[in-house]
């Protein structure tokens, strides 16, 4: 992708990506903890 992206949007996109990654990690951790609780 060789499109001219404004610097203002890049920061927002980075923050959105970080937020999405954090949400995914939180979901994985919650699922793992629930799985461990079920096994125990």
Protein backbone atom coordinates (compact mmCIF):
# COMPACT_ATOMS: atom_id res chain seq x y z
CA UNK A 1 0.00 0.00 0.00
CA UNK A 2 1.69 3.18 -1.22
CA UNK A 3 -0.97 5.65 -0.10
CA UNK A 4 -0.28 9.01 1.52
CA UNK A 5 -1.51 8.56 5.09
CA UNK A 6 -1.78 11.59 7.36
CA UNK A 7 0.33 11.49 10.53
CA UNK A 8 -2.76 12.29 12.63
CA UNK A 9 -4.47 9.07 11.52
CA UNK A 10 -1.38 6.89 12.16
CA UNK A 11 -1.42 7.67 15.90
CA UNK A 12 -5.14 6.87 16.11
CA UNK A 13 -4.62 3.63 14.17
CA UNK A 14 -1.75 2.65 16.48
CA UNK A 15 -3.89 3.33 19.57
CA UNK A 16 -6.78 1.32 18.06
CA UNK A 17 -4.44 -1.60 17.25
CA UNK A 18 -3.01 -1.52 20.79
CA UNK A 19 -6.54 -1.47 22.24
CA UNK A 20 -7.55 -4.42 20.04
CA UNK A 21 -4.43 -6.39 21.06
CA UNK A 22 -5.14 -5.67 24.75
CA UNK A 23 -8.74 -6.85 24.32
CA UNK A 24 -7.59 -10.07 22.59
CA UNK A 25 -5.00 -10.73 25.35
CA UNK A 26 -7.66 -10.11 28.02
CA UNK A 27 -10.05 -12.55 26.28
CA UNK A 28 -7.31 -15.22 26.00
CA UNK A 29 -6.34 -14.78 29.66
CA UNK A 30 -9.98 -14.99 30.80
CA UNK A 31 -10.58 -18.11 28.68
CA UNK A 32 -7.40 -19.73 30.06
CA UNK A 33 -8.36 -18.94 33.66
CA UNK A 34 -11.87 -20.32 33.13
CA UNK A 35 -10.41 -23.45 31.51
CA UNK A 36 -8.03 -23.98 34.43
CA UNK A 37 -10.91 -23.43 36.88
CA UNK A 38 -12.99 -26.04 35.04
CA UNK A 39 -10.12 -28.55 34.99
CA UNK A 40 -9.53 -27.97 38.73
